[in-house]
Amino acid sequence: MKLHEIAPQPGSTKRRRRVGRGVSAGQGASCGLGMRGQKSRSGTGTRPGFEGGQMPLYRRVPKLKHFPLVNPRQYTIVNLKKLASLPANTEVTLESLLKAKIITSNDGPLKVLGDGEITVPLKVKAAAFSNNAKEKITAAQGTWEEI
C-alpha cells in the first residue's frame, strides 16, 4: 500500500456545501439563511450567551463561592462530653444512646465529635468519627469502630 492509494471508506465523506450557486443547487440566493435579519448577514451572528440585549443567564444567576451539596450526608451528632457520664466499658451505639436519652432524635447514622473530655473507657460503634474524638477515646483506653 502506498500513500497515494489511501482513500476514505466509500460513503464516509460528504462533499462540501456550495452555497449561492443558483436556485436549482438547493442553497441559492440567500444560502439557506433566510431573508433578512442579524443572522442572515455576513460574519458571525451573536456571541454565545447573547440574549438580544436582555440580561443573559450567566449574569442573572447569583455568583456564590460554593455550590450546595445535592445529597448531603445527614448524621446524628454526639459530642464526647455527653458520653463522659456513661459507666466504664459500655458499648455505645445509636440505639443505646436513644435508650439512655443522651440523644433525642435519630437524624441518620451516628457521628462522634471530639468536644469535651472523656475519662472512662468506652466501646464506641458509630458511622463516623472526628480525628479528635478517635484520639480522645483511645487515650482513655477505649475502643472505636466504624460501622
N, C-alpha and C. Protein backbone atom coordinates (compact mmCIF):
# COMPACT_ATOMS: atom_id res chain seq x y z
N MET A 1 0.84 -1.18 0.00
CA MET A 1 0.00 0.00 0.00
C MET A 1 0.88 1.24 0.00
N LYS A 2 0.57 2.14 -0.87
CA LYS A 2 1.32 3.38 -1.00
C LYS A 2 0.45 4.54 -0.52
N LEU A 3 1.10 5.66 -0.27
CA LEU A 3 0.40 6.82 0.26
C LEU A 3 -0.68 7.32 -0.71
N HIS A 4 -0.44 7.23 -1.99
CA HIS A 4 -1.43 7.73 -2.94
C HIS A 4 -2.61 6.76 -3.11
N GLU A 5 -2.50 5.57 -2.56
CA GLU A 5 -3.61 4.62 -2.65
C GLU A 5 -4.58 4.73 -1.48
N ILE A 6 -4.21 5.48 -0.45
CA ILE A 6 -5.08 5.61 0.73
C ILE A 6 -6.26 6.50 0.39
N ALA A 7 -7.45 6.04 0.66
CA ALA A 7 -8.68 6.82 0.43
C ALA A 7 -9.67 6.48 1.54
N PRO A 8 -10.57 7.42 1.89
CA PRO A 8 -11.57 7.11 2.90
C PRO A 8 -12.56 6.06 2.41
N GLN A 9 -13.24 5.44 3.35
CA GLN A 9 -14.24 4.44 3.00
C GLN A 9 -15.34 5.06 2.16
N PRO A 10 -15.90 4.34 1.24
CA PRO A 10 -16.99 4.89 0.43
C PRO A 10 -18.19 5.24 1.30
N GLY A 11 -18.72 6.46 1.16
CA GLY A 11 -19.86 6.91 1.93
C GLY A 11 -19.51 7.58 3.25
N SER A 12 -18.22 7.59 3.61
CA SER A 12 -17.86 8.19 4.90
C SER A 12 -17.62 9.69 4.79
N THR A 13 -17.44 10.21 3.60
CA THR A 13 -17.23 11.65 3.45
C THR A 13 -18.34 12.24 2.60
N LYS A 14 -18.63 13.51 2.89
CA LYS A 14 -19.64 14.22 2.11
C LYS A 14 -18.95 15.37 1.40
N ARG A 15 -19.50 15.76 0.26
CA ARG A 15 -18.92 16.91 -0.43
C ARG A 15 -19.36 18.18 0.30
N ARG A 16 -18.55 19.22 0.22
CA ARG A 16 -18.87 20.45 0.92
C ARG A 16 -20.04 21.15 0.25
N ARG A 17 -20.78 21.92 1.04
CA ARG A 17 -21.96 22.60 0.55
C ARG A 17 -21.55 23.86 -0.19
N ARG A 18 -21.91 23.94 -1.48
CA ARG A 18 -21.60 25.11 -2.29
C ARG A 18 -22.83 25.99 -2.32
N VAL A 19 -22.82 27.05 -1.50
CA VAL A 19 -24.00 27.89 -1.37
C VAL A 19 -23.91 29.08 -2.32
N GLY A 20 -25.07 29.59 -2.67
CA GLY A 20 -25.14 30.77 -3.53
C GLY A 20 -24.79 30.49 -4.97
N ARG A 21 -25.11 29.30 -5.48
CA ARG A 21 -24.76 28.93 -6.86
C ARG A 21 -26.02 28.61 -7.68
N GLY A 22 -27.10 29.29 -7.39
CA GLY A 22 -28.31 29.11 -8.19
C GLY A 22 -29.39 28.39 -7.43
N VAL A 23 -30.65 28.59 -7.88
CA VAL A 23 -31.82 28.05 -7.21
C VAL A 23 -31.83 26.54 -7.28
N SER A 24 -31.45 25.96 -8.41
CA SER A 24 -31.54 24.51 -8.56
C SER A 24 -30.49 23.78 -7.72
N ALA A 25 -29.48 24.48 -7.22
CA ALA A 25 -28.47 23.84 -6.39
C ALA A 25 -28.97 23.56 -4.98
N GLY A 26 -30.11 24.16 -4.60
CA GLY A 26 -30.71 23.90 -3.30
C GLY A 26 -30.38 24.93 -2.24
N GLN A 27 -29.27 25.63 -2.37
CA GLN A 27 -28.90 26.65 -1.39
C GLN A 27 -28.56 27.94 -2.13
N GLY A 28 -29.40 28.34 -3.07
CA GLY A 28 -29.11 29.52 -3.87
C GLY A 28 -29.59 30.78 -3.19
N ALA A 29 -29.29 31.90 -3.79
CA ALA A 29 -29.74 33.25 -3.39
C ALA A 29 -29.37 33.56 -1.95
N SER A 30 -30.24 33.20 -0.97
CA SER A 30 -29.97 33.58 0.41
C SER A 30 -29.16 32.53 1.16
N CYS A 31 -28.75 31.47 0.47
CA CYS A 31 -27.84 30.46 1.01
C CYS A 31 -28.37 29.74 2.24
N GLY A 32 -29.68 29.65 2.37
CA GLY A 32 -30.27 28.94 3.50
C GLY A 32 -30.33 29.72 4.78
N LEU A 33 -30.03 31.03 4.71
CA LEU A 33 -30.02 31.85 5.92
C LEU A 33 -31.29 32.67 6.08
N GLY A 34 -32.26 32.51 5.19
CA GLY A 34 -33.49 33.28 5.31
C GLY A 34 -33.38 34.60 4.59
N MET A 35 -34.40 35.45 4.79
CA MET A 35 -34.49 36.69 4.02
C MET A 35 -33.63 37.81 4.59
N ARG A 36 -33.99 38.28 5.78
CA ARG A 36 -33.27 39.41 6.36
C ARG A 36 -33.03 39.13 7.84
N GLY A 37 -32.30 40.01 8.46
CA GLY A 37 -32.08 39.90 9.90
C GLY A 37 -30.63 39.71 10.24
N GLN A 38 -30.35 39.76 11.53
CA GLN A 38 -28.97 39.72 12.01
C GLN A 38 -28.28 38.42 11.63
N LYS A 39 -29.01 37.30 11.67
CA LYS A 39 -28.38 36.01 11.40
C LYS A 39 -28.22 35.71 9.92
N SER A 40 -28.75 36.60 9.06
CA SER A 40 -28.56 36.37 7.62
C SER A 40 -27.38 37.18 7.07
N ARG A 41 -26.82 38.04 7.88
CA ARG A 41 -25.73 38.91 7.41
C ARG A 41 -24.41 38.15 7.38
N SER A 42 -23.44 38.70 6.71
CA SER A 42 -22.12 38.08 6.65
C SER A 42 -21.42 38.26 8.00
N GLY A 43 -20.45 37.45 8.24
CA GLY A 43 -19.78 37.47 9.54
C GLY A 43 -20.57 36.62 10.52
N THR A 44 -20.09 36.56 11.72
CA THR A 44 -20.79 35.72 12.71
C THR A 44 -22.06 36.39 13.16
N GLY A 45 -22.92 35.61 13.78
CA GLY A 45 -24.17 36.15 14.31
C GLY A 45 -23.90 36.84 15.63
N THR A 46 -24.33 36.25 16.70
CA THR A 46 -24.09 36.81 18.03
C THR A 46 -23.18 35.87 18.79
N ARG A 47 -22.58 36.39 19.83
CA ARG A 47 -21.68 35.56 20.63
C ARG A 47 -22.49 34.56 21.46
N PRO A 48 -21.88 33.50 21.90
CA PRO A 48 -22.60 32.53 22.74
C PRO A 48 -23.06 33.18 24.04
N GLY A 49 -24.31 32.94 24.41
CA GLY A 49 -24.85 33.52 25.63
C GLY A 49 -25.56 34.84 25.42
N PHE A 50 -25.50 35.41 24.21
CA PHE A 50 -26.17 36.68 23.96
C PHE A 50 -27.66 36.45 23.82
N GLU A 51 -28.46 37.28 24.53
CA GLU A 51 -29.91 37.10 24.52
C GLU A 51 -30.61 38.34 23.99
N GLY A 52 -30.04 38.98 23.00
CA GLY A 52 -30.70 40.10 22.34
C GLY A 52 -30.72 41.36 23.18
N GLY A 53 -29.82 41.52 24.10
CA GLY A 53 -29.80 42.71 24.95
C GLY A 53 -30.40 42.47 26.31
N GLN A 54 -31.23 41.43 26.43
CA GLN A 54 -31.74 41.05 27.75
C GLN A 54 -30.55 40.61 28.61
N MET A 55 -30.66 40.82 29.93
CA MET A 55 -29.58 40.41 30.82
C MET A 55 -29.41 38.89 30.71
N PRO A 56 -28.26 38.42 30.25
CA PRO A 56 -28.11 36.99 29.97
C PRO A 56 -28.09 36.14 31.25
N LEU A 57 -28.34 34.87 31.04
CA LEU A 57 -28.48 33.95 32.17
C LEU A 57 -27.22 33.90 33.02
N TYR A 58 -26.06 33.92 32.38
CA TYR A 58 -24.82 33.80 33.17
C TYR A 58 -24.58 35.04 34.01
N ARG A 59 -25.27 36.13 33.73
CA ARG A 59 -25.16 37.32 34.59
C ARG A 59 -26.31 37.44 35.56
N ARG A 60 -27.43 36.72 35.30
CA ARG A 60 -28.58 36.77 36.20
C ARG A 60 -28.42 35.88 37.42
N VAL A 61 -27.73 34.74 37.26
CA VAL A 61 -27.64 33.80 38.38
C VAL A 61 -26.67 34.34 39.42
N PRO A 62 -26.93 34.07 40.71
CA PRO A 62 -26.02 34.58 41.74
C PRO A 62 -24.69 33.86 41.70
N LYS A 63 -23.64 34.61 41.95
CA LYS A 63 -22.30 34.04 41.94
C LYS A 63 -21.90 33.77 43.38
N LEU A 64 -21.95 32.52 43.76
CA LEU A 64 -21.61 32.14 45.13
C LEU A 64 -20.25 31.45 45.14
N LYS A 65 -19.63 31.46 46.29
CA LYS A 65 -18.32 30.83 46.40
C LYS A 65 -18.43 29.32 46.31
N HIS A 66 -19.49 28.74 46.88
CA HIS A 66 -19.62 27.29 46.90
C HIS A 66 -21.04 26.92 46.50
N PHE A 67 -21.15 25.83 45.78
CA PHE A 67 -22.46 25.31 45.44
C PHE A 67 -22.91 24.37 46.54
N PRO A 68 -24.18 24.33 46.88
CA PRO A 68 -24.63 23.41 47.92
C PRO A 68 -24.56 21.96 47.45
N LEU A 69 -24.34 21.07 48.37
CA LEU A 69 -24.31 19.65 48.03
C LEU A 69 -25.70 19.20 47.65
N VAL A 70 -25.79 18.37 46.63
CA VAL A 70 -27.09 17.90 46.16
C VAL A 70 -27.68 16.90 47.16
N ASN A 71 -26.90 15.93 47.57
CA ASN A 71 -27.35 14.95 48.56
C ASN A 71 -26.41 14.98 49.75
N PRO A 72 -26.57 15.93 50.67
CA PRO A 72 -25.64 15.99 51.79
C PRO A 72 -25.87 14.83 52.75
N ARG A 73 -24.79 14.39 53.41
CA ARG A 73 -24.91 13.33 54.40
C ARG A 73 -25.44 13.93 55.69
N GLN A 74 -26.47 13.34 56.23
CA GLN A 74 -27.04 13.79 57.50
C GLN A 74 -26.60 12.81 58.58
N TYR A 75 -26.01 13.32 59.64
CA TYR A 75 -25.56 12.50 60.74
C TYR A 75 -26.31 12.88 62.01
N THR A 76 -26.46 11.91 62.91
CA THR A 76 -26.86 12.20 64.28
C THR A 76 -25.56 12.46 65.03
N ILE A 77 -25.40 13.66 65.54
CA ILE A 77 -24.11 14.08 66.10
C ILE A 77 -24.17 14.02 67.62
N VAL A 78 -23.11 13.48 68.20
CA VAL A 78 -22.97 13.48 69.66
C VAL A 78 -21.52 13.83 69.99
N ASN A 79 -21.34 14.66 71.02
CA ASN A 79 -20.01 15.06 71.46
C ASN A 79 -19.55 14.16 72.59
N LEU A 80 -18.24 14.10 72.80
CA LEU A 80 -17.68 13.24 73.83
C LEU A 80 -18.09 13.67 75.23
N LYS A 81 -18.36 14.95 75.44
CA LYS A 81 -18.74 15.40 76.78
C LYS A 81 -20.06 14.79 77.23
N LYS A 82 -20.92 14.41 76.27
CA LYS A 82 -22.18 13.74 76.65
C LYS A 82 -21.95 12.27 76.99
N LEU A 83 -20.87 11.67 76.44
CA LEU A 83 -20.58 10.27 76.72
C LEU A 83 -19.80 10.09 78.00
N ALA A 84 -19.32 11.17 78.61
CA ALA A 84 -18.49 11.07 79.81
C ALA A 84 -19.28 10.55 81.01
N SER A 85 -20.60 10.70 81.01
CA SER A 85 -21.41 10.26 82.15
C SER A 85 -21.71 8.75 82.11
N LEU A 86 -21.37 8.07 81.03
CA LEU A 86 -21.65 6.63 80.92
C LEU A 86 -20.67 5.83 81.76
N PRO A 87 -21.10 4.65 82.26
CA PRO A 87 -20.17 3.81 83.03
C PRO A 87 -19.10 3.20 82.14
N ALA A 88 -18.05 2.69 82.77
CA ALA A 88 -16.91 2.16 82.04
C ALA A 88 -17.29 0.91 81.26
N ASN A 89 -16.61 0.70 80.13
CA ASN A 89 -16.77 -0.46 79.23
C ASN A 89 -18.19 -0.60 78.69
N THR A 90 -18.90 0.50 78.56
CA THR A 90 -20.23 0.47 77.96
C THR A 90 -20.09 0.46 76.44
N GLU A 91 -20.94 -0.32 75.79
CA GLU A 91 -20.96 -0.31 74.32
C GLU A 91 -21.89 0.81 73.87
N VAL A 92 -21.33 1.77 73.16
CA VAL A 92 -22.07 2.96 72.75
C VAL A 92 -22.45 2.81 71.28
N THR A 93 -23.76 2.75 71.02
CA THR A 93 -24.30 2.74 69.66
C THR A 93 -25.41 3.77 69.58
N LEU A 94 -25.95 3.93 68.40
CA LEU A 94 -27.05 4.88 68.22
C LEU A 94 -28.27 4.46 69.04
N GLU A 95 -28.56 3.16 69.05
CA GLU A 95 -29.73 2.66 69.78
C GLU A 95 -29.54 2.83 71.29
N SER A 96 -28.32 2.55 71.79
CA SER A 96 -28.09 2.67 73.23
C SER A 96 -28.17 4.13 73.69
N LEU A 97 -27.74 5.05 72.84
CA LEU A 97 -27.83 6.46 73.20
C LEU A 97 -29.27 6.95 73.19
N LEU A 98 -30.08 6.41 72.28
CA LEU A 98 -31.50 6.77 72.27
C LEU A 98 -32.20 6.22 73.51
N LYS A 99 -31.85 4.99 73.93
CA LYS A 99 -32.45 4.41 75.14
C LYS A 99 -32.04 5.18 76.38
N ALA A 100 -30.77 5.60 76.43
CA ALA A 100 -30.27 6.35 77.60
C ALA A 100 -30.70 7.81 77.56
N LYS A 101 -31.37 8.23 76.50
CA LYS A 101 -31.87 9.59 76.31
C LYS A 101 -30.75 10.63 76.31
N ILE A 102 -29.56 10.20 75.85
CA ILE A 102 -28.47 11.16 75.65
C ILE A 102 -28.72 11.95 74.37
N ILE A 103 -29.25 11.28 73.36
CA ILE A 103 -29.74 11.97 72.17
C ILE A 103 -31.23 11.71 72.07
N THR A 104 -31.95 12.64 71.47
CA THR A 104 -33.41 12.54 71.45
C THR A 104 -33.99 12.20 70.09
N SER A 105 -33.21 12.37 69.02
CA SER A 105 -33.77 12.09 67.69
C SER A 105 -32.76 11.35 66.84
N ASN A 106 -33.26 10.53 65.95
CA ASN A 106 -32.43 9.79 65.01
C ASN A 106 -32.44 10.54 63.69
N ASP A 107 -31.37 11.29 63.43
CA ASP A 107 -31.28 12.09 62.20
C ASP A 107 -30.42 11.41 61.15
N GLY A 108 -30.10 10.14 61.35
CA GLY A 108 -29.24 9.42 60.41
C GLY A 108 -28.18 8.67 61.19
N PRO A 109 -27.14 8.20 60.51
CA PRO A 109 -26.09 7.45 61.19
C PRO A 109 -25.37 8.31 62.25
N LEU A 110 -24.80 7.65 63.22
CA LEU A 110 -24.16 8.33 64.35
C LEU A 110 -22.77 8.82 63.97
N LYS A 111 -22.47 10.06 64.36
CA LYS A 111 -21.12 10.61 64.20
C LYS A 111 -20.69 11.15 65.56
N VAL A 112 -19.48 10.77 65.98
CA VAL A 112 -18.96 11.19 67.28
C VAL A 112 -17.94 12.29 67.05
N LEU A 113 -18.15 13.43 67.73
CA LEU A 113 -17.25 14.57 67.64
C LEU A 113 -16.45 14.69 68.93
N GLY A 114 -15.33 15.38 68.88
CA GLY A 114 -14.38 15.38 69.98
C GLY A 114 -14.48 16.53 70.94
N ASP A 115 -15.62 17.18 71.07
CA ASP A 115 -15.76 18.29 72.01
C ASP A 115 -15.93 17.73 73.42
N GLY A 116 -15.13 18.16 74.36
CA GLY A 116 -15.20 17.69 75.73
C GLY A 116 -14.13 16.66 76.03
N GLU A 117 -14.09 16.24 77.29
CA GLU A 117 -13.10 15.26 77.73
C GLU A 117 -13.81 13.98 78.15
N ILE A 118 -13.12 12.87 78.02
CA ILE A 118 -13.66 11.56 78.42
C ILE A 118 -12.58 10.86 79.23
N THR A 119 -12.99 10.26 80.35
CA THR A 119 -12.01 9.61 81.23
C THR A 119 -12.26 8.12 81.34
N VAL A 120 -13.48 7.65 81.07
CA VAL A 120 -13.81 6.23 81.20
C VAL A 120 -13.62 5.53 79.87
N PRO A 121 -13.14 4.28 79.87
CA PRO A 121 -13.01 3.55 78.60
C PRO A 121 -14.36 3.10 78.09
N LEU A 122 -14.64 3.37 76.83
CA LEU A 122 -15.91 3.01 76.21
C LEU A 122 -15.65 2.26 74.91
N LYS A 123 -16.61 1.43 74.52
CA LYS A 123 -16.57 0.75 73.22
C LYS A 123 -17.57 1.47 72.33
N VAL A 124 -17.08 2.34 71.49
CA VAL A 124 -17.95 3.21 70.68
C VAL A 124 -18.03 2.65 69.26
N LYS A 125 -19.27 2.43 68.81
CA LYS A 125 -19.52 1.98 67.43
C LYS A 125 -20.37 3.05 66.76
N ALA A 126 -19.81 3.65 65.71
CA ALA A 126 -20.52 4.72 65.01
C ALA A 126 -20.16 4.68 63.53
N ALA A 127 -20.90 5.45 62.74
CA ALA A 127 -20.65 5.50 61.30
C ALA A 127 -19.46 6.38 60.97
N ALA A 128 -19.19 7.40 61.80
CA ALA A 128 -18.09 8.31 61.53
C ALA A 128 -17.57 8.89 62.83
N PHE A 129 -16.28 9.24 62.84
CA PHE A 129 -15.63 9.85 63.98
C PHE A 129 -14.79 11.01 63.49
N SER A 130 -14.68 12.04 64.32
CA SER A 130 -13.69 13.07 64.01
C SER A 130 -12.35 12.55 64.50
N ASN A 131 -11.27 13.08 63.94
CA ASN A 131 -9.93 12.64 64.35
C ASN A 131 -9.67 12.93 65.83
N ASN A 132 -10.19 14.05 66.31
CA ASN A 132 -10.03 14.43 67.70
C ASN A 132 -10.74 13.43 68.61
N ALA A 133 -11.92 12.98 68.19
CA ALA A 133 -12.67 12.02 69.00
C ALA A 133 -11.95 10.68 69.06
N LYS A 134 -11.37 10.24 67.94
CA LYS A 134 -10.63 8.98 67.93
C LYS A 134 -9.46 9.02 68.90
N GLU A 135 -8.72 10.14 68.90
CA GLU A 135 -7.57 10.28 69.79
C GLU A 135 -7.99 10.26 71.25
N LYS A 136 -9.07 10.94 71.58
CA LYS A 136 -9.50 11.02 72.97
C LYS A 136 -10.06 9.69 73.48
N ILE A 137 -10.74 8.94 72.60
CA ILE A 137 -11.28 7.64 73.01
C ILE A 137 -10.14 6.66 73.27
N THR A 138 -9.14 6.65 72.38
CA THR A 138 -8.01 5.73 72.58
C THR A 138 -7.13 6.17 73.75
N ALA A 139 -7.06 7.47 74.03
CA ALA A 139 -6.29 7.95 75.19
C ALA A 139 -6.94 7.52 76.50
N ALA A 140 -8.27 7.32 76.49
CA ALA A 140 -8.98 6.86 77.69
C ALA A 140 -9.06 5.34 77.74
N GLN A 141 -8.22 4.65 76.96
CA GLN A 141 -8.18 3.18 76.87
C GLN A 141 -9.50 2.59 76.35
N GLY A 142 -10.23 3.36 75.58
CA GLY A 142 -11.45 2.86 74.96
C GLY A 142 -11.19 2.42 73.54
N THR A 143 -12.21 1.86 72.91
CA THR A 143 -12.08 1.43 71.52
C THR A 143 -13.16 2.10 70.69
N TRP A 144 -12.83 2.35 69.41
CA TRP A 144 -13.82 2.91 68.48
C TRP A 144 -13.84 2.03 67.24
N GLU A 145 -15.03 1.91 66.66
CA GLU A 145 -15.21 1.07 65.48
C GLU A 145 -16.18 1.75 64.54
N GLU A 146 -15.76 1.91 63.28
CA GLU A 146 -16.65 2.49 62.27
C GLU A 146 -17.49 1.38 61.67
N ILE A 147 -18.81 1.59 61.67
CA ILE A 147 -19.72 0.59 61.10
C ILE A 147 -20.41 1.13 59.88
